[in-house]
Amino acid sequence: MGIWDTFFNRQDRKREREYLNQLFRIAWADGSLDQVEVQYIYSVGKKLGFQKEELDEVKDNFDPTSLSYKPPHKREERFFMLFYLINLILADDEIHPEEMRITENIVMKLGYAPDTVDTILSTIEVNQEKNIDAEATYEQLKEQLG
């Protein structure tokens, strides 16, 4: 069972849609949806079992001004969301101040300190240089922070 199946019950589409909405909000933080960011969100959506048409609908209907967010109850689920939100801000190889601000806001709502973002970013960057994949990085950080 992969990390995706651990955190999302296939019956819970509303929560999954909200997660994708959060990813789109982060991607929009710099005022545009870069193609790399959209592709990343679509790849996350596909792992969650969404079809392209459903992802198009989420993308076309997300509200970039809404910061309302209800975090998951389980710490493991919160860490999962945190990890993939931070991966999103790295998707276009540029970290914009507004992306960081929104991510730090969400990080605090997930129950983590804002400096957790820096810890995760640096670990991801180091592991990418060492060709360590995202799932191994996730497990490493979960041990360290989760």
C-alpha atoms as a PDB file:
ATOM      1  CA  MET A   1       0.000   0.000   0.000  1.00  0.00           C
ATOM      2  CA  GLY A   2       1.477   3.363  -1.031  1.00  0.00           C
ATOM      3  CA  ILE A   3       1.389   6.600   0.901  1.00  0.00           C
ATOM      4  CA  TRP A   4      -1.484   7.851  -1.270  1.00  0.00           C
ATOM      5  CA  ASP A   5      -3.769   4.991  -0.266  1.00  0.00           C
ATOM      6  CA  THR A   6      -2.887   5.432   3.384  1.00  0.00           C
ATOM      7  CA  PHE A   7      -4.282   8.931   3.571  1.00  0.00           C
ATOM      8  CA  PHE A   8      -7.184   9.129   1.202  1.00  0.00           C
ATOM      9  CA  ASN A   9     -10.238   6.956   1.361  1.00  0.00           C
ATOM     10  CA  ARG A  10     -11.528   6.613  -2.190  1.00  0.00           C
ATOM     11  CA  GLN A  11     -15.026   7.448  -0.900  1.00  0.00           C
ATOM     12  CA  ASP A  12     -13.912  10.836   0.406  1.00  0.00           C
ATOM     13  CA  ARG A  13     -13.890  12.894  -2.805  1.00  0.00           C
ATOM     14  CA  LYS A  14     -14.831  16.122  -1.039  1.00  0.00           C
ATOM     15  CA  ARG A  15     -11.675  16.050   1.074  1.00  0.00           C
ATOM     16  CA  GLU A  16      -9.554  15.099  -1.919  1.00  0.00           C
ATOM     17  CA  ARG A  17     -11.023  17.985  -3.936  1.00  0.00           C
ATOM     18  CA  GLU A  18     -10.260  20.376  -1.085  1.00  0.00           C
ATOM     19  CA  TYR A  19      -6.674  19.112  -1.046  1.00  0.00           C
ATOM     20  CA  LEU A  20      -6.385  19.788  -4.788  1.00  0.00           C
ATOM     21  CA  ASN A  21      -7.931  23.222  -4.242  1.00  0.00           C
ATOM     22  CA  GLN A  22      -5.201  23.934  -1.683  1.00  0.00           C
ATOM     23  CA  LEU A  23      -2.556  22.935  -4.206  1.00  0.00           C
ATOM     24  CA  PHE A  24      -4.068  25.265  -6.807  1.00  0.00           C
ATOM     25  CA  ARG A  25      -4.187  28.108  -4.267  1.00  0.00           C
ATOM     26  CA  ILE A  26      -0.503  27.636  -3.503  1.00  0.00           C
ATOM     27  CA  ALA A  27       0.347  27.492  -7.203  1.00  0.00           C
ATOM     28  CA  TRP A  28      -1.658  30.683  -7.815  1.00  0.00           C
ATOM     29  CA  ALA A  29       0.133  32.553  -5.006  1.00  0.00           C
ATOM     30  CA  ASP A  30       2.499  34.239  -7.465  1.00  0.00           C
ATOM     31  CA  GLY A  31      -0.436  35.368  -9.625  1.00  0.00           C
ATOM     32  CA  SER A  32      -0.250  32.684 -12.300  1.00  0.00           C
ATOM     33  CA  LEU A  33      -0.584  28.953 -12.758  1.00  0.00           C
ATOM     34  CA  ASP A  34       2.686  27.810 -14.301  1.00  0.00           C
ATOM     35  CA  GLN A  35       2.418  24.751 -16.529  1.00  0.00           C
ATOM     36  CA  VAL A  36       4.907  22.821 -14.375  1.00  0.00           C
ATOM     37  CA  GLU A  37       2.810  23.496 -11.277  1.00  0.00           C
ATOM     38  CA  VAL A  38      -0.405  22.482 -13.054  1.00  0.00           C
ATOM     39  CA  GLN A  39       1.250  19.264 -14.268  1.00  0.00           C
ATOM     40  CA  TYR A  40       2.369  18.517 -10.709  1.00  0.00           C
ATOM     41  CA  ILE A  41      -1.153  19.062  -9.353  1.00  0.00           C
ATOM     42  CA  TYR A  42      -2.592  16.873 -12.115  1.00  0.00           C
ATOM     43  CA  SER A  43      -0.101  14.120 -11.251  1.00  0.00           C
ATOM     44  CA  VAL A  44      -1.188  14.335  -7.603  1.00  0.00           C
ATOM     45  CA  GLY A  45      -4.830  14.258  -8.718  1.00  0.00           C
ATOM     46  CA  LYS A  46      -4.251  11.208 -10.890  1.00  0.00           C
ATOM     47  CA  LYS A  47      -2.623   9.422  -7.931  1.00  0.00           C
ATOM     48  CA  LEU A  48      -5.797  10.209  -6.012  1.00  0.00           C
ATOM     49  CA  GLY A  49      -7.877   8.612  -8.761  1.00  0.00           C
ATOM     50  CA  PHE A  50      -9.175  11.743 -10.499  1.00  0.00           C
ATOM     51  CA  GLN A  51      -9.770  11.738 -14.249  1.00  0.00           C
ATOM     52  CA  LYS A  52      -8.451  14.617 -16.385  1.00  0.00           C
ATOM     53  CA  GLU A  53     -11.962  16.042 -16.777  1.00  0.00           C
ATOM     54  CA  GLU A  54     -12.416  16.141 -12.997  1.00  0.00           C
ATOM     55  CA  LEU A  55      -9.053  17.838 -12.581  1.00  0.00           C
ATOM     56  CA  ASP A  56      -9.970  20.383 -15.256  1.00  0.00           C
ATOM     57  CA  GLU A  57     -13.150  21.129 -13.317  1.00  0.00           C
ATOM     58  CA  VAL A  58     -11.244  21.608 -10.048  1.00  0.00           C
ATOM     59  CA  LYS A  59      -8.711  23.855 -11.794  1.00  0.00           C
ATOM     60  CA  ASP A  60     -11.389  25.913 -13.520  1.00  0.00           C
ATOM     61  CA  ASN A  61     -13.405  26.391 -10.316  1.00  0.00           C
ATOM     62  CA  PHE A  62     -10.856  26.887  -7.537  1.00  0.00           C
ATOM     63  CA  ASP A  63     -11.071  30.163  -5.612  1.00  0.00           C
ATOM     64  CA  PRO A  64      -7.601  31.755  -5.383  1.00  0.00           C
ATOM     65  CA  THR A  65      -8.799  34.189  -2.709  1.00  0.00           C
ATOM     66  CA  SER A  66     -10.075  31.545  -0.302  1.00  0.00           C
ATOM     67  CA  LEU A  67      -7.739  30.573   2.497  1.00  0.00           C
ATOM     68  CA  SER A  68     -10.351  28.633   4.429  1.00  0.00           C
ATOM     69  CA  TYR A  69      -8.966  25.257   5.266  1.00  0.00           C
ATOM     70  CA  LYS A  70      -9.907  22.458   7.634  1.00  0.00           C
ATOM     71  CA  PRO A  71      -6.885  20.296   8.421  1.00  0.00           C
ATOM     72  CA  PRO A  72      -7.163  16.526   8.782  1.00  0.00           C
ATOM     73  CA  HIS A  73      -7.422  15.154  12.308  1.00  0.00           C
ATOM     74  CA  LYS A  74      -4.639  12.568  12.040  1.00  0.00           C
ATOM     75  CA  ARG A  75      -1.061  13.826  12.334  1.00  0.00           C
ATOM     76  CA  GLU A  76       0.054  11.422   9.577  1.00  0.00           C
ATOM     77  CA  GLU A  77      -2.465  12.941   7.175  1.00  0.00           C
ATOM     78  CA  ARG A  78      -1.388  16.470   8.098  1.00  0.00           C
ATOM     79  CA  PHE A  79       2.250  15.589   7.433  1.00  0.00           C
ATOM     80  CA  PHE A  80       1.332  14.009   4.098  1.00  0.00           C
ATOM     81  CA  MET A  81      -0.438  17.196   3.015  1.00  0.00           C
ATOM     82  CA  LEU A  82       2.439  19.346   4.242  1.00  0.00           C
ATOM     83  CA  PHE A  83       5.030  17.344   2.315  1.00  0.00           C
ATOM     84  CA  TYR A  84       3.180  17.545  -0.988  1.00  0.00           C
ATOM     85  CA  LEU A  85       2.298  21.224  -0.558  1.00  0.00           C
ATOM     86  CA  ILE A  86       5.989  21.976  -0.134  1.00  0.00           C
ATOM     87  CA  ASN A  87       6.858  19.842  -3.148  1.00  0.00           C
ATOM     88  CA  LEU A  88       4.437  21.967  -5.147  1.00  0.00           C
ATOM     89  CA  ILE A  89       6.273  25.203  -4.419  1.00  0.00           C
ATOM     90  CA  LEU A  90       9.429  23.541  -5.742  1.00  0.00           C
ATOM     91  CA  ALA A  91       7.744  22.354  -8.958  1.00  0.00           C
ATOM     92  CA  ASP A  92       8.698  25.385 -11.057  1.00  0.00           C
ATOM     93  CA  ASP A  93      12.201  25.730  -9.509  1.00  0.00           C
ATOM     94  CA  GLU A  94      11.234  29.136  -8.107  1.00  0.00           C
ATOM     95  CA  ILE A  95      10.048  29.852  -4.603  1.00  0.00           C
ATOM     96  CA  HIS A  96       7.955  33.007  -4.595  1.00  0.00           C
ATOM     97  CA  PRO A  97       7.451  34.973  -1.351  1.00  0.00           C
ATOM     98  CA  GLU A  98       3.665  34.713  -1.648  1.00  0.00           C
ATOM     99  CA  GLU A  99       3.900  30.927  -2.102  1.00  0.00           C
ATOM    100  CA  MET A 100       5.973  30.767   1.079  1.00  0.00           C
ATOM    101  CA  ARG A 101       3.532  32.995   2.963  1.00  0.00           C
ATOM    102  CA  ILE A 102       0.529  30.848   2.032  1.00  0.00           C
ATOM    103  CA  THR A 103       2.436  27.625   2.659  1.00  0.00           C
ATOM    104  CA  GLU A 104       3.560  28.824   6.099  1.00  0.00           C
ATOM    105  CA  ASN A 105      -0.045  29.782   6.852  1.00  0.00           C
ATOM    106  CA  ILE A 106      -1.226  26.292   5.922  1.00  0.00           C
ATOM    107  CA  VAL A 107       1.705  24.717   7.804  1.00  0.00           C
ATOM    108  CA  MET A 108       0.599  26.475  10.992  1.00  0.00           C
ATOM    109  CA  LYS A 109      -2.992  25.337  10.394  1.00  0.00           C
ATOM    110  CA  LEU A 110      -1.624  21.801  10.123  1.00  0.00           C
ATOM    111  CA  GLY A 111      -0.029  22.193  13.566  1.00  0.00           C
ATOM    112  CA  TYR A 112       3.605  22.680  12.559  1.00  0.00           C
ATOM    113  CA  ALA A 113       5.987  25.580  13.196  1.00  0.00           C
ATOM    114  CA  PRO A 114       6.643  27.831  10.167  1.00  0.00           C
ATOM    115  CA  ASP A 115      10.343  26.858  10.143  1.00  0.00           C
ATOM    116  CA  THR A 116       9.253  23.303   9.317  1.00  0.00           C
ATOM    117  CA  VAL A 117       8.920  24.526   5.722  1.00  0.00           C
ATOM    118  CA  ASP A 118      12.639  25.381   5.600  1.00  0.00           C
ATOM    119  CA  THR A 119      13.583  22.011   7.092  1.00  0.00           C
ATOM    120  CA  ILE A 120      11.530  20.131   4.521  1.00  0.00           C
ATOM    121  CA  LEU A 121      12.706  22.303   1.616  1.00  0.00           C
ATOM    122  CA  SER A 122      16.363  21.785   2.460  1.00  0.00           C
ATOM    123  CA  THR A 123      15.918  18.027   2.933  1.00  0.00           C
ATOM    124  CA  ILE A 124      14.101  17.714  -0.402  1.00  0.00           C
ATOM    125  CA  GLU A 125      16.802  19.702  -2.198  1.00  0.00           C
ATOM    126  CA  VAL A 126      19.648  17.672  -0.645  1.00  0.00           C
ATOM    127  CA  ASN A 127      17.887  14.389  -1.419  1.00  0.00           C
ATOM    128  CA  GLN A 128      17.190  15.437  -5.010  1.00  0.00           C
ATOM    129  CA  GLU A 129      20.909  16.114  -5.472  1.00  0.00           C
ATOM    130  CA  LYS A 130      21.565  12.598  -4.147  1.00  0.00           C
ATOM    131  CA  ASN A 131      18.855  11.155  -6.463  1.00  0.00           C
ATOM    132  CA  ILE A 132      16.748  10.020  -3.510  1.00  0.00           C
ATOM    133  CA  ASP A 133      13.122   9.722  -4.623  1.00  0.00           C
ATOM    134  CA  ALA A 134      10.148  11.555  -3.140  1.00  0.00           C
ATOM    135  CA  GLU A 135       8.744   8.547  -1.322  1.00  0.00           C
ATOM    136  CA  ALA A 136      12.058   7.852   0.457  1.00  0.00           C
ATOM    137  CA  THR A 137      12.351  11.551   1.309  1.00  0.00           C
ATOM    138  CA  TYR A 138       8.808  11.491   2.646  1.00  0.00           C
ATOM    139  CA  GLU A 139       9.605   8.528   4.908  1.00  0.00           C
ATOM    140  CA  GLN A 140      12.819  10.191   6.125  1.00  0.00           C
ATOM    141  CA  LEU A 141      11.017  13.429   6.983  1.00  0.00           C
ATOM    142  CA  LYS A 142       8.077  11.604   8.555  1.00  0.00           C
ATOM    143  CA  GLU A 143      10.526   9.940  10.946  1.00  0.00           C
ATOM    144  CA  GLN A 144      12.183  13.273  11.661  1.00  0.00           C
ATOM    145  CA  LEU A 145       9.111  15.534  11.907  1.00  0.00           C
ATOM    146  CA  GLY A 146       5.940  13.490  11.686  1.00  0.00           C
END
